Protein backbone atom coordinates (compact mmCIF):
# COMPACT_ATOMS: atom_id res chain seq x y z
CA MET A 1 -25.90 -12.78 -9.39
CA ASN A 2 -27.28 -16.32 -9.60
CA PHE A 3 -28.81 -18.31 -6.75
CA LEU A 4 -25.59 -20.07 -5.81
CA ASP A 5 -23.55 -16.87 -5.74
CA ASN A 6 -26.19 -15.08 -3.66
CA ALA A 7 -26.48 -18.00 -1.22
CA LYS A 8 -22.71 -18.28 -0.89
CA ARG A 9 -22.43 -14.58 -0.16
CA ARG A 10 -25.18 -14.74 2.50
CA ALA A 11 -23.63 -17.83 4.05
CA PHE A 12 -20.21 -16.23 4.22
CA GLU A 13 -21.47 -13.00 5.76
CA GLU A 14 -23.57 -14.86 8.36
CA ASN A 15 -20.62 -17.05 9.35
CA LYS A 16 -17.77 -14.60 8.87
CA PRO A 17 -15.04 -15.13 11.50
CA GLU A 18 -13.82 -12.31 13.73
CA ALA A 19 -10.44 -12.41 12.01
CA LEU A 20 -12.07 -10.74 8.99
CA ALA A 21 -13.61 -7.91 10.99
CA ALA A 22 -11.28 -5.21 9.65
CA ASP A 23 -12.05 -3.40 6.40
CA ILE A 24 -9.28 -4.52 4.04
CA ARG A 25 -9.10 -3.57 0.36
CA MET A 26 -6.36 -4.53 -2.05
CA ILE A 27 -5.63 -3.32 -5.57
CA SER A 28 -3.44 -5.83 -7.39
CA GLY A 29 -1.42 -5.04 -10.48
CA CYS A 30 -2.35 -8.32 -12.12
CA GLU A 31 -4.02 -11.68 -11.65
CA ASP A 32 -2.23 -14.61 -9.99
CA CYS A 33 -1.46 -16.15 -13.36
CA GLN A 34 0.03 -12.94 -14.80
CA THR A 35 3.32 -11.12 -14.60
CA SER A 36 3.54 -7.38 -13.98
CA ALA A 37 5.72 -4.91 -15.83
CA ASP A 38 7.94 -1.89 -15.39
CA VAL A 39 7.08 1.25 -17.33
CA SER A 40 10.30 2.23 -19.08
CA ASN A 41 9.40 5.91 -19.14
CA VAL A 42 7.03 7.37 -16.56
CA ASN A 43 6.83 10.59 -18.58
CA SER A 44 4.26 8.82 -20.74
CA PHE A 45 2.10 8.58 -17.62
CA LYS A 46 2.53 12.31 -16.80
CA LEU A 47 4.01 11.58 -13.38
CA PRO A 48 6.87 13.12 -11.39
CA ASP A 49 10.18 11.39 -11.98
CA PRO A 50 12.33 11.74 -8.84
CA ALA A 51 15.21 9.40 -9.61
CA GLY A 52 15.08 7.87 -13.03
CA ARG A 53 12.71 7.09 -15.87
CA ALA A 54 11.01 3.87 -14.80
CA GLY A 55 8.09 2.87 -12.62
CA GLY A 56 5.73 -0.03 -12.00
CA ALA A 57 2.82 -0.24 -14.42
CA CYS A 58 0.20 -0.62 -11.66
CA THR A 59 1.46 2.25 -9.49
CA SER A 60 2.02 4.54 -12.48
CA THR A 61 -1.43 3.80 -13.88
CA LEU A 62 -3.24 4.33 -10.59
CA LEU A 63 -1.44 7.63 -10.08
CA GLN A 64 -2.23 8.72 -13.62
CA VAL A 65 -5.91 8.26 -12.79
CA LEU A 66 -5.79 9.85 -9.33
CA TYR A 67 -2.86 12.31 -9.44
CA LYS A 68 -1.92 13.13 -13.02
CA ASP A 69 0.51 16.09 -13.22
CA ASN A 70 0.40 16.32 -9.41
CA GLU A 71 -3.27 17.28 -9.48
CA THR A 72 -6.35 15.39 -8.38
CA PRO A 73 -9.05 14.99 -11.06
CA ALA A 74 -11.89 17.51 -11.18
CA ASP A 75 -14.42 14.67 -11.15
CA GLU A 76 -14.77 12.12 -8.36
CA TYR A 77 -14.30 8.58 -9.61
CA SER A 78 -16.01 5.47 -8.27
CA PHE A 79 -14.15 2.23 -7.61
CA ILE A 80 -15.46 0.90 -10.92
CA GLU A 81 -14.28 3.97 -12.80
CA VAL A 82 -10.80 3.84 -11.26
CA LEU A 83 -10.32 0.17 -12.16
CA ASP A 84 -11.82 0.69 -15.64
CA LYS A 85 -9.52 3.64 -16.30
CA MET A 86 -6.50 1.68 -15.10
CA ARG A 87 -7.38 -1.21 -17.38
CA GLN A 88 -7.92 1.10 -20.35
CA ILE A 89 -4.60 2.89 -19.84
CA LEU A 90 -2.76 -0.41 -19.60
CA ASP A 91 -4.51 -1.67 -22.74
CA ASP A 92 -3.67 1.53 -24.62
CA GLU A 93 -0.02 1.13 -23.63
CA SER A 94 -0.10 -2.55 -24.75
CA TYR A 95 0.30 -4.00 -21.26
CA THR A 96 -1.50 -7.33 -20.90
CA GLN A 97 -1.81 -7.37 -17.10
CA LYS A 98 -5.29 -6.89 -15.62
CA PRO A 99 -5.69 -4.98 -12.34
CA GLN A 100 -8.27 -6.17 -9.85
CA LEU A 101 -9.81 -5.22 -6.52
CA THR A 102 -10.28 -7.68 -3.65
CA SER A 103 -11.68 -7.04 -0.18
CA SER A 104 -12.66 -8.59 3.13
CA HIS A 105 -16.19 -7.14 2.84
CA PRO A 106 -18.38 -6.42 -0.19
CA ILE A 107 -17.76 -2.79 -1.18
CA ASP A 108 -20.32 -0.68 -2.99
CA ILE A 109 -18.03 -0.07 -5.93
CA THR A 110 -20.36 2.54 -7.42
CA HIS A 111 -19.36 4.84 -4.55
CA LYS A 112 -16.45 7.27 -4.59
CA PHE A 113 -12.99 5.73 -4.51
CA ASP A 114 -11.11 7.03 -1.49
CA LEU A 115 -7.88 5.90 0.10
CA VAL A 116 -9.18 7.12 3.46
CA PRO A 117 -12.98 7.01 3.91
CA PRO A 118 -14.79 9.56 6.11
CA SER A 119 -15.30 6.90 8.79
CA ALA A 120 -11.53 6.61 9.33
CA THR A 121 -11.06 9.56 11.65
CA GLY A 122 -8.03 8.27 13.56
CA THR A 123 -4.34 8.14 12.74
CA ARG A 124 -3.21 7.61 9.16
CA ARG A 125 -0.24 5.24 8.85
CA ALA A 126 1.60 4.01 5.77
CA LEU A 127 4.22 1.41 4.96
CA LEU A 128 5.81 1.54 1.51
CA VAL A 129 8.33 -0.99 0.22
CA GLY A 130 10.30 -0.55 -3.01
CA ILE A 131 12.91 -3.07 -4.12
CA ASN A 132 15.06 -2.59 -7.22
CA TYR A 133 17.34 -5.57 -6.33
CA VAL A 134 20.36 -3.42 -7.01
CA GLY A 135 23.28 -5.49 -8.28
CA GLN A 136 21.26 -8.72 -8.29
CA GLU A 137 19.89 -10.87 -11.06
CA GLY A 138 16.48 -9.59 -12.07
CA GLN A 139 17.29 -5.98 -11.18
CA LEU A 140 14.37 -3.58 -11.59
CA SER A 141 14.42 0.14 -12.32
CA GLY A 142 11.20 1.69 -11.15
CA CYS A 143 10.35 0.49 -7.65
CA HIS A 144 12.10 3.31 -5.79
CA ASN A 145 10.35 5.81 -8.02
CA ASP A 146 7.01 4.15 -7.29
CA VAL A 147 7.50 4.70 -3.58
CA GLY A 148 8.59 8.31 -4.04
CA ASN A 149 5.59 9.09 -6.22
CA MET A 150 3.18 7.37 -3.88
CA VAL A 151 4.58 9.12 -0.80
CA ASN A 152 4.00 12.47 -2.50
CA TYR A 153 0.43 11.46 -3.29
CA ILE A 154 -0.58 10.25 0.18
CA LYS A 155 1.03 13.29 1.84
CA ASN A 156 -0.31 15.95 -0.50
CA VAL A 157 -3.77 14.53 -1.12
CA HIS A 158 -4.58 12.41 1.94
CA GLU A 159 -2.61 14.26 4.63
CA PHE A 160 -0.44 11.40 5.82
CA GLU A 161 2.31 12.77 8.06
CA ASP A 162 6.02 11.95 7.79
CA ASP A 163 6.14 10.58 11.35
CA ASN A 164 3.57 7.93 10.42
CA ILE A 165 5.12 6.91 7.08
CA THR A 166 7.63 4.04 7.00
CA VAL A 167 9.69 3.51 3.84
CA LEU A 168 11.89 0.49 3.08
CA LEU A 169 14.21 0.79 0.04
CA ASP A 170 17.38 -0.97 -1.09
CA ASP A 171 19.17 2.32 -1.71
CA ASP A 172 21.65 2.39 1.22
CA GLU A 173 19.78 5.41 2.63
CA HIS A 174 16.58 3.88 4.01
CA GLU A 175 16.06 0.77 6.10
CA ALA A 176 16.64 -2.20 3.81
CA PRO A 177 13.64 -4.29 2.65
CA THR A 178 14.98 -7.57 4.01
CA LYS A 179 12.58 -10.33 4.95
CA GLU A 180 13.09 -9.65 8.64
CA ASN A 181 12.60 -5.90 8.28
CA MET A 182 9.54 -6.25 6.07
CA LEU A 183 7.80 -8.69 8.42
CA ALA A 184 8.68 -6.51 11.41
CA ALA A 185 7.31 -3.41 9.67
CA TYR A 186 4.03 -5.14 8.77
CA LYS A 187 3.66 -6.34 12.36
CA LYS A 188 4.45 -2.92 13.79
CA ILE A 189 1.92 -0.98 11.71
CA VAL A 190 -0.82 -3.49 12.57
CA GLN A 191 0.02 -3.53 16.27
CA GLU A 192 0.03 0.28 16.48
CA SER A 193 -3.39 0.67 14.82
CA SER A 194 -6.75 0.76 16.54
CA LYS A 195 -10.40 1.38 15.68
CA GLY A 196 -10.85 4.41 13.44
CA ASP A 197 -7.29 4.34 12.04
CA ALA A 198 -6.39 4.07 8.35
CA ILE A 199 -3.47 2.07 6.96
CA PHE A 200 -1.96 2.27 3.49
CA LEU A 201 0.36 -0.55 2.38
CA HIS A 202 2.30 -0.33 -0.87
CA TYR A 203 4.68 -2.92 -2.31
CA SER A 204 6.63 -2.48 -5.53
CA GLY A 205 9.04 -5.26 -6.40
CA HIS A 206 9.15 -8.84 -7.56
CA GLY A 207 6.33 -11.26 -6.83
CA THR A 208 6.38 -14.97 -7.52
CA LYS A 209 4.61 -18.29 -7.12
CA ILE A 210 6.11 -21.34 -5.44
CA ARG A 211 4.91 -24.87 -4.94
CA ASP A 212 2.61 -25.03 -1.92
CA ASP A 213 3.92 -27.16 0.94
CA ASP A 214 0.35 -28.37 1.44
CA ARG A 215 -1.13 -28.89 -2.02
CA SER A 216 -4.62 -29.11 -0.52
CA GLU A 217 -4.50 -25.48 0.64
CA GLU A 218 -3.92 -23.81 -2.74
CA ASP A 219 -6.30 -24.62 -5.58
CA ASP A 220 -3.52 -24.39 -8.16
CA GLY A 221 -0.87 -25.97 -5.95
CA TYR A 222 1.10 -22.73 -5.55
CA ASP A 223 1.57 -20.03 -2.92
CA GLU A 224 1.88 -16.41 -4.00
CA ALA A 225 4.85 -14.63 -2.44
CA LEU A 226 6.70 -11.33 -2.16
CA VAL A 227 10.44 -11.31 -2.86
CA PRO A 228 12.49 -9.42 -0.24
CA VAL A 229 15.91 -8.12 -1.15
CA ASP A 230 17.63 -10.99 0.72
CA TYR A 231 15.39 -13.74 -0.68
CA ASP A 232 18.36 -15.80 -1.83
CA SER A 233 19.58 -16.28 1.75
CA ASN A 234 16.45 -15.86 3.87
CA GLY A 235 13.58 -16.88 1.62
CA LEU A 236 10.30 -15.37 0.49
CA ILE A 237 7.31 -13.79 2.25
CA LEU A 238 4.39 -16.09 1.55
CA ASP A 239 0.73 -15.17 1.23
CA ASP A 240 0.19 -17.16 4.44
CA ASP A 241 2.65 -14.90 6.27
CA LEU A 242 0.85 -11.78 5.07
CA TYR A 243 -2.52 -13.24 5.99
CA ASP A 244 -1.41 -14.05 9.53
CA ILE A 245 0.05 -10.58 10.09
CA VAL A 246 -2.12 -8.19 8.10
CA VAL A 247 -5.52 -9.88 7.94
CA LYS A 248 -5.79 -11.89 11.16
CA GLY A 249 -3.92 -9.33 13.20
CA LEU A 250 -6.12 -6.31 12.53
CA PRO A 251 -8.77 -5.21 15.03
CA GLU A 252 -12.28 -4.30 13.95
CA GLY A 253 -12.72 -0.73 12.80
CA VAL A 254 -9.33 -0.37 11.09
CA HIS A 255 -9.45 0.56 7.40
CA VAL A 256 -6.70 -0.81 5.13
CA VAL A 257 -5.88 -0.15 1.49
CA CYS A 258 -3.10 -2.26 0.02
CA LEU A 259 -1.51 -1.68 -3.40
CA MET A 260 0.48 -4.65 -4.69
CA ASP A 261 2.53 -3.78 -7.77
CA CYS A 262 4.16 -7.11 -8.51
CA CYS A 263 3.71 -10.32 -10.47
CA HIS A 264 1.21 -12.97 -9.33
CA SER A 265 -0.41 -10.57 -6.88
CA GLY A 266 -4.12 -11.11 -7.47
CA THR A 267 -4.87 -13.07 -4.30
CA VAL A 268 -1.73 -12.49 -2.25
CA LEU A 269 -3.89 -11.47 0.76
CA ASP A 270 -6.48 -14.21 0.10
CA LEU A 271 -9.47 -11.87 0.43
CA PRO A 272 -12.86 -13.37 -0.53
CA TYR A 273 -14.53 -10.61 -2.55
CA VAL A 274 -13.31 -9.62 -5.99
CA PHE A 275 -14.02 -7.16 -8.80
CA LYS A 276 -12.27 -7.25 -12.17
CA PRO A 277 -12.86 -4.61 -14.86
CA ASN A 278 -13.49 -7.23 -17.53
CA GLY A 279 -17.23 -6.83 -18.03
CA GLU A 280 -18.16 -9.98 -16.11
CA PHE A 281 -18.86 -8.41 -12.72
CA GLY A 282 -21.35 -5.65 -13.55
CA ASP A 283 -21.40 -3.12 -10.71
CA LYS A 284 -20.94 -5.51 -7.76
CA MET A 285 -18.17 -7.34 -6.03
CA GLU A 286 -18.64 -11.10 -5.80
CA ILE A 287 -17.07 -13.89 -3.83
CA ALA A 288 -14.34 -15.21 -6.10
CA LYS A 289 -15.55 -18.28 -7.97
CA ASP A 290 -12.44 -20.20 -6.98
CA PHE A 291 -12.30 -18.92 -3.39
CA ASP A 292 -11.54 -21.89 -1.14
CA PHE A 293 -13.40 -21.71 2.18
CA ASN A 294 -11.64 -24.82 3.46
CA LYS A 295 -8.33 -23.03 2.87
CA LEU A 296 -9.70 -20.06 4.82
CA ALA A 297 -10.64 -22.38 7.68
CA LYS A 298 -7.06 -23.68 7.81
CA LYS A 299 -5.66 -20.16 7.86
CA LEU A 300 -7.98 -19.33 10.77
CA GLY A 301 -6.99 -22.40 12.73
CA GLY A 302 -9.86 -24.69 11.77
CA SER A 303 -12.82 -22.37 12.38
CA GLY A 304 -15.06 -24.70 10.40
CA ILE A 305 -16.34 -21.91 8.17
CA GLY A 306 -16.11 -24.13 5.09
CA MET A 307 -18.42 -26.73 6.66
CA LYS A 308 -20.82 -24.05 7.92
CA ILE A 309 -21.11 -22.48 4.49
CA GLY A 310 -21.58 -25.88 2.85
CA SER A 311 -24.41 -26.70 5.25
CA PHE A 312 -26.00 -23.31 4.64
CA LEU A 313 -25.88 -23.75 0.88
CA MET A 314 -27.48 -27.18 1.11
CA GLU A 315 -30.20 -25.79 3.39
CA GLN A 316 -30.95 -22.98 0.93
CA TYR A 317 -30.98 -25.41 -1.97
CA LEU A 318 -33.47 -27.71 -0.24
CA LYS A 319 -35.72 -24.76 0.49
CA GLY A 320 -35.86 -24.23 -3.24
């Protein structure tokens, strides 16, 4: 870590707003500039196959690492090892997408990967959304399977209970993953949670990028977005929407793990710390090189964190 990176990290931690008090971690199936893929045959990933032969590459890969053949691995894997193994499996299967980990706080990624850490002793809640876009253009095949496989994993391995698991699927049996229902479900799980609770969020479906209404807020001029089943009539769920509900809404002491298996998902929660299994990050998470603190200030209602961090960096620079 060079001087600037170290100073930026110190400045951010010393000026971190209360809205980032919760412990939020997100595994993304790919970077913002990449598209994600369906696995045409989940048998190649040694996973259960409840309703077909397809699944999302990110979900299938993570489960191959953590729950292959419905069994947890004999060895405990660190965050680094889990991301490295996911990347290697994807490479071996000729998938170009690169998974990554982002978080609200710097995680010691040499420690054991766990969906629910020992400190989360309260209620375990989960919200899983799978959208195959049945009968629509761009229909997918594996998103329902992703949800079924992941529900089995969190119940059997992490002791999530049915009463605390919400599933949205476009299968005419579950509540439909419309924009209204998805936003309501995200709000509900956040509102019900308190210090010591653990939340797991899983999305498997289409993701996209659209031109940002305020070009100054997104470095590349685009917002990342989730695509609900009724997107054609009611629109998308933007990264700003997710930030307002999931990030700003969480109280301190709540632990969140989010798995985004969709295109353009790398920064869909706009979390500051990042680790990519590409050899550039060593064994530490860093503040993303392109993380925009002025954008963060706007999301938080003008907290001034960008100016505070800029002043801190200048002060550290002048000190030599």
